[in-house]
């Protein structure tokens, strides 16, 4: 599990493990008007996405102010987005009091969507880590910076240096045999053939094929609370992907079973979910 520090105390980061050259996952956050906001609302723009624990701290306050200042000198095809788990009302008040007009500030308090999809949710605090992620016009991740000590500021010069490089040389996305997002599956969609299933399973550890119609894996945890927390994470991403596994909890063990009922067998969606769930566990 990835980690950061808070005053030298080690904290764990949960969520998907995105990397440079990956296609950016979608997310759903909340605006100050309590409206849902999605990644595709910023298509064809370079997106500087910065996350922070709370606007009530001086370092986070400075972070938003600094990006607000830098954004004033950027072209119209570049947007700066700030995301935290502060309530939208508090974010709105902060932006009004501090004249924040060049940063879109959104909240992840309701869905934990950004935190999980981008792997920046601090497990122990239920807050977002201090990060910057640059996503280009084609929604490819071009840069990631995570502050190892969340009480310390980001390296803003490094952010701007990499932004200039991305503007000059657009990032080429890394194609993957297993996409990052499930596709709608209607009744009558044919299931994968045995040969396809066997080839895909080679990319996964611990998943077992049952009757050529479902894949199953068991995850083990320290105790029931940890197991339940994992189930909560899986539930959030499953709802976002519109693909829901069968989940069985037995004290400190969680068994996940994946199949596509509309196809009466396995589809690529099942392996997409298996990939996401493994990332949530790692």
Protein backbone atom coordinates (compact mmCIF):
# COMPACT_ATOMS: atom_id res chain seq x y z
CA UNK A 1 0.00 0.00 0.00
CA UNK A 2 1.30 3.47 -0.90
CA UNK A 3 2.05 5.82 1.97
CA UNK A 4 2.52 9.47 2.92
CA UNK A 5 3.46 11.09 6.22
CA UNK A 6 1.65 13.50 8.52
CA UNK A 7 4.17 15.09 10.90
CA UNK A 8 6.35 12.02 10.32
CA UNK A 9 3.51 9.61 11.13
CA UNK A 10 2.97 7.10 8.32
CA UNK A 11 -0.46 7.09 6.66
CA UNK A 12 -1.82 4.78 3.97
CA UNK A 13 -3.13 5.84 0.58
CA UNK A 14 -5.98 3.86 -0.97
CA UNK A 15 -7.38 3.84 -4.49
CA UNK A 16 -6.33 3.02 -8.01
CA UNK A 17 -2.65 3.32 -8.85
CA UNK A 18 -2.59 5.62 -11.87
CA UNK A 19 0.67 6.43 -13.61
CA UNK A 20 2.00 8.83 -16.20
CA UNK A 21 0.82 7.81 -19.71
CA UNK A 22 -2.35 6.19 -18.32
CA UNK A 23 -5.67 7.44 -19.61
CA UNK A 24 -7.24 9.49 -16.83
CA UNK A 25 -10.16 7.78 -15.06
CA UNK A 26 -13.46 9.61 -14.90
CA UNK A 27 -14.50 11.17 -11.61
CA UNK A 28 -17.56 12.71 -10.00
CA UNK A 29 -17.13 15.61 -7.59
CA UNK A 30 -19.49 18.29 -6.26
CA UNK A 31 -19.49 22.02 -7.02
CA UNK A 32 -20.35 24.81 -4.58
CA UNK A 33 -23.82 24.79 -6.15
CA UNK A 34 -24.14 21.10 -5.16
CA UNK A 35 -24.03 19.97 -8.79
CA UNK A 36 -22.14 16.88 -9.93
CA UNK A 37 -19.03 17.61 -12.00
CA UNK A 38 -17.32 15.09 -14.28
CA UNK A 39 -13.98 14.89 -16.07
CA UNK A 40 -15.57 15.10 -19.53
CA UNK A 41 -16.80 18.61 -18.77
CA UNK A 42 -13.20 19.70 -19.28
CA UNK A 43 -12.51 17.83 -22.52
CA UNK A 44 -10.09 19.43 -24.98
CA UNK A 45 -8.42 21.36 -22.18
CA UNK A 46 -5.21 20.71 -20.29
CA UNK A 47 -6.20 20.10 -16.69
CA UNK A 48 -3.98 20.91 -13.71
CA UNK A 49 -5.71 19.03 -10.90
CA UNK A 50 -4.45 19.73 -7.41
CA UNK A 51 -5.74 18.02 -4.28
CA UNK A 52 -5.26 18.98 -0.64
CA UNK A 53 -6.44 17.83 2.82
CA UNK A 54 -8.36 20.90 4.02
CA UNK A 55 -8.68 24.61 3.29
CA UNK A 56 -8.59 25.21 7.06
CA UNK A 57 -4.82 24.67 7.06
CA UNK A 58 -2.29 27.31 6.09
CA UNK A 59 -0.46 25.07 3.59
CA UNK A 60 -3.69 24.22 1.73
CA UNK A 61 -4.76 27.85 1.84
CA UNK A 62 -1.44 28.82 0.26
CA UNK A 63 -1.73 26.04 -2.32
CA UNK A 64 -5.03 27.33 -3.71
CA UNK A 65 -3.84 30.94 -3.63
CA UNK A 66 -0.64 30.01 -5.45
CA UNK A 67 -2.46 28.16 -8.22
CA UNK A 68 -4.99 30.98 -8.47
CA UNK A 69 -2.10 33.37 -9.10
CA UNK A 70 -0.41 31.10 -11.64
CA UNK A 71 -3.68 30.36 -13.45
CA UNK A 72 -4.17 34.05 -14.19
CA UNK A 73 -1.24 33.84 -16.63
CA UNK A 74 -2.32 30.65 -18.40
CA UNK A 75 -4.06 30.39 -21.76
CA UNK A 76 -7.79 29.68 -21.99
CA UNK A 77 -7.21 26.05 -22.99
CA UNK A 78 -5.70 25.29 -19.56
CA UNK A 79 -7.84 24.93 -16.44
CA UNK A 80 -6.84 24.55 -12.82
CA UNK A 81 -9.04 22.34 -10.65
CA UNK A 82 -8.73 22.10 -6.87
CA UNK A 83 -10.30 19.18 -5.02
CA UNK A 84 -10.60 18.42 -1.31
CA UNK A 85 -13.04 16.79 1.08
CA UNK A 86 -14.09 20.15 2.53
CA UNK A 87 -17.82 20.76 2.32
CA UNK A 88 -18.89 22.73 -0.78
CA UNK A 89 -20.27 25.52 1.44
CA UNK A 90 -16.89 25.97 3.12
CA UNK A 91 -15.13 25.94 -0.24
CA UNK A 92 -17.48 28.60 -1.59
CA UNK A 93 -16.89 30.81 1.44
CA UNK A 94 -13.12 30.41 1.12
CA UNK A 95 -13.14 31.31 -2.57
CA UNK A 96 -15.31 34.38 -1.99
CA UNK A 97 -13.21 35.65 0.93
CA UNK A 98 -9.93 35.14 -0.91
CA UNK A 99 -11.01 36.21 -4.41
CA UNK A 100 -10.29 32.79 -5.94
CA UNK A 101 -11.52 33.22 -9.50
CA UNK A 102 -9.02 31.22 -11.56
CA UNK A 103 -9.35 27.82 -9.87
CA UNK A 104 -12.38 25.55 -10.05
CA UNK A 105 -12.71 24.27 -6.49
CA UNK A 106 -14.77 21.09 -6.02
CA UNK A 107 -15.51 18.68 -3.18
CA UNK A 108 -15.00 14.92 -3.04
CA UNK A 109 -16.85 14.62 0.28
CA UNK A 110 -19.93 12.90 -1.15
CA UNK A 111 -18.62 10.17 -3.43
CA UNK A 112 -14.87 9.79 -2.68
CA UNK A 113 -14.74 9.37 -6.44
CA UNK A 114 -11.61 11.36 -7.20
CA UNK A 115 -9.74 10.04 -4.17
CA UNK A 116 -10.36 6.42 -5.13
CA UNK A 117 -10.03 6.72 -8.91
CA UNK A 118 -6.78 8.66 -8.68
CA UNK A 119 -5.38 6.90 -5.62
CA UNK A 120 -5.04 9.94 -3.34
CA UNK A 121 -7.44 9.10 -0.48
CA UNK A 122 -5.76 8.92 2.92
CA UNK A 123 -7.29 5.91 4.65
CA UNK A 124 -6.82 7.00 8.26
CA UNK A 125 -7.94 10.62 7.82
CA UNK A 126 -10.57 10.25 5.07
CA UNK A 127 -8.92 13.27 3.47
CA UNK A 128 -7.12 13.73 0.15
CA UNK A 129 -3.34 13.76 -0.05
CA UNK A 130 -1.48 16.82 -1.31
CA UNK A 131 -0.94 16.24 -5.02
CA UNK A 132 -0.82 17.72 -8.50
CA UNK A 133 -1.87 15.71 -11.53
CA UNK A 134 -1.69 17.17 -15.04
CA UNK A 135 -4.06 15.64 -17.57
CA UNK A 136 -3.69 16.70 -21.20
CA UNK A 137 -6.36 17.54 -23.80
CA UNK A 138 -6.73 13.87 -24.72
CA UNK A 139 -7.23 12.93 -21.05
CA UNK A 140 -3.83 11.30 -20.74
CA UNK A 141 -1.96 11.66 -17.44
CA UNK A 142 1.23 13.60 -18.11
CA UNK A 143 2.54 14.44 -14.65
CA UNK A 144 2.05 13.39 -11.03
CA UNK A 145 3.48 14.96 -7.90
CA UNK A 146 2.59 13.71 -4.41
CA UNK A 147 3.87 15.45 -1.31
CA UNK A 148 5.44 12.74 0.85
CA UNK A 149 4.87 14.87 3.96
CA UNK A 150 1.39 16.36 3.68
CA UNK A 151 2.23 19.29 5.95
CA UNK A 152 4.78 20.48 3.37
CA UNK A 153 4.11 22.54 0.24
CA UNK A 154 4.30 21.28 -3.32
CA UNK A 155 7.12 22.05 -5.72
CA UNK A 156 5.31 24.63 -7.84
CA UNK A 157 8.29 25.30 -10.11
CA UNK A 158 8.39 21.63 -11.08
CA UNK A 159 4.66 21.71 -11.88
CA UNK A 160 5.03 24.67 -14.23
CA UNK A 161 8.15 23.22 -15.86
CA UNK A 162 6.31 19.99 -16.67
CA UNK A 163 3.24 21.91 -17.83
CA UNK A 164 5.39 23.71 -20.40
CA UNK A 165 6.76 20.38 -21.60
CA UNK A 166 3.26 18.91 -21.97
CA UNK A 167 2.14 21.97 -23.95
CA UNK A 168 5.08 21.55 -26.33
CA UNK A 169 4.95 17.77 -26.54
CA UNK A 170 1.49 16.27 -25.95
CA UNK A 171 1.52 13.00 -24.02
CA UNK A 172 0.91 9.77 -25.91
CA UNK A 173 -1.40 7.48 -23.96
CA UNK A 174 -0.39 3.94 -23.16
CA UNK A 175 -2.83 1.51 -24.71
CA UNK A 176 -3.86 -1.35 -22.49
CA UNK A 177 -5.49 -4.66 -23.33
CA UNK A 178 -7.73 -4.05 -20.33
CA UNK A 179 -9.40 -0.60 -20.41
CA UNK A 180 -9.99 1.45 -17.27
CA UNK A 181 -13.74 1.83 -17.65
CA UNK A 182 -16.60 -0.65 -18.09
CA UNK A 183 -18.85 -0.34 -21.11
CA UNK A 184 -22.65 -0.72 -20.97
CA UNK A 185 -23.59 -4.33 -21.59
CA UNK A 186 -27.03 -5.20 -22.93
CA UNK A 187 -28.81 -8.53 -23.01
CA UNK A 188 -27.57 -10.62 -25.89
CA UNK A 189 -23.98 -9.40 -25.72
CA UNK A 190 -21.91 -12.55 -26.28
CA UNK A 191 -19.62 -13.71 -23.46
CA UNK A 192 -15.89 -14.16 -23.91
CA UNK A 193 -14.68 -17.47 -25.31
CA UNK A 194 -12.59 -19.85 -23.20
CA UNK A 195 -9.39 -18.92 -25.08
CA UNK A 196 -9.97 -15.21 -24.44
CA UNK A 197 -10.67 -15.84 -20.76
CA UNK A 198 -7.52 -17.94 -20.33
CA UNK A 199 -5.37 -15.25 -21.95
CA UNK A 200 -6.83 -12.50 -19.75
CA UNK A 201 -6.49 -14.55 -16.55
CA UNK A 202 -2.75 -14.82 -17.15
CA UNK A 203 -2.53 -11.11 -16.29
CA UNK A 204 -4.07 -11.58 -12.84
CA UNK A 205 -2.95 -13.16 -9.58
CA UNK A 206 -5.32 -15.09 -7.34
CA UNK A 207 -8.43 -15.06 -9.53
CA UNK A 208 -10.02 -18.46 -10.14
CA UNK A 209 -12.25 -19.37 -13.08
CA UNK A 210 -15.47 -21.14 -12.07
CA UNK A 211 -17.44 -23.10 -14.69
CA UNK A 212 -16.14 -20.75 -17.41
CA UNK A 213 -18.81 -18.25 -16.27
CA UNK A 214 -17.33 -16.31 -13.36
CA UNK A 215 -14.04 -15.38 -11.72
CA UNK A 216 -13.57 -15.43 -7.96
CA UNK A 217 -10.92 -14.13 -5.57
CA UNK A 218 -10.62 -13.99 -1.78
CA UNK A 219 -8.93 -11.10 0.03
CA UNK A 220 -7.70 -11.31 3.61
CA UNK A 221 -7.52 -8.48 6.18
CA UNK A 222 -6.44 -7.81 9.75
CA UNK A 223 -9.98 -7.82 11.14
CA UNK A 224 -13.67 -7.32 10.31
CA UNK A 225 -13.42 -3.51 10.30
CA UNK A 226 -10.67 -3.63 7.65
CA UNK A 227 -12.69 -6.10 5.60
CA UNK A 228 -15.78 -3.90 5.75
CA UNK A 229 -13.76 -0.84 4.75
CA UNK A 230 -12.55 -2.69 1.64
CA UNK A 231 -16.13 -3.65 0.80
CA UNK A 232 -17.12 0.02 1.06
CA UNK A 233 -14.37 0.98 -1.42
CA UNK A 234 -15.41 -1.76 -3.84
CA UNK A 235 -19.03 -0.65 -3.56
CA UNK A 236 -18.17 2.93 -4.53
CA UNK A 237 -16.21 2.03 -7.67
CA UNK A 238 -18.69 -0.70 -8.64
CA UNK A 239 -21.53 1.79 -8.61
CA UNK A 240 -19.49 4.21 -10.72
CA UNK A 241 -18.64 1.50 -13.21
CA UNK A 242 -22.23 0.17 -13.26
CA UNK A 243 -20.85 -3.32 -12.83
CA UNK A 244 -21.52 -4.98 -9.50
CA UNK A 245 -19.81 -8.05 -8.05
CA UNK A 246 -21.21 -10.56 -5.61
CA UNK A 247 -19.51 -9.91 -2.27
CA UNK A 248 -19.31 -12.29 0.69
CA UNK A 249 -17.77 -11.24 4.02
CA UNK A 250 -16.58 -13.76 6.59
CA UNK A 251 -14.92 -11.95 9.52
CA UNK A 252 -11.55 -10.88 8.02
CA UNK A 253 -12.07 -12.37 4.57
CA UNK A 254 -13.85 -10.90 1.55
CA UNK A 255 -14.75 -13.06 -1.43
CA UNK A 256 -15.44 -11.26 -4.71
CA UNK A 257 -17.26 -12.99 -7.57
CA UNK A 258 -17.55 -11.37 -11.00
CA UNK A 259 -19.76 -12.28 -13.93
CA UNK A 260 -21.90 -10.45 -16.48
CA UNK A 261 -25.51 -11.52 -16.01
CA UNK A 262 -26.67 -9.93 -19.28
CA UNK A 263 -24.23 -12.15 -21.17
CA UNK A 264 -24.64 -15.22 -18.94
CA UNK A 265 -20.88 -15.45 -18.68
CA UNK A 266 -17.71 -13.37 -18.56
CA UNK A 267 -17.09 -10.17 -20.50
CA UNK A 268 -14.22 -7.71 -20.56
CA UNK A 269 -16.11 -5.69 -17.93
CA UNK A 270 -15.45 -8.43 -15.38
CA UNK A 271 -11.70 -8.18 -15.93
CA UNK A 272 -11.83 -4.38 -15.81
CA UNK A 273 -13.48 -4.65 -12.40
CA UNK A 274 -10.98 -7.30 -11.28
CA UNK A 275 -8.15 -4.94 -12.20
CA UNK A 276 -9.72 -2.04 -10.28
CA UNK A 277 -10.47 -4.16 -7.21
CA UNK A 278 -6.89 -5.47 -7.11
CA UNK A 279 -5.64 -1.87 -7.20
CA UNK A 280 -7.91 -0.97 -4.28
CA UNK A 281 -6.38 -3.83 -2.29
CA UNK A 282 -2.74 -3.16 -3.15
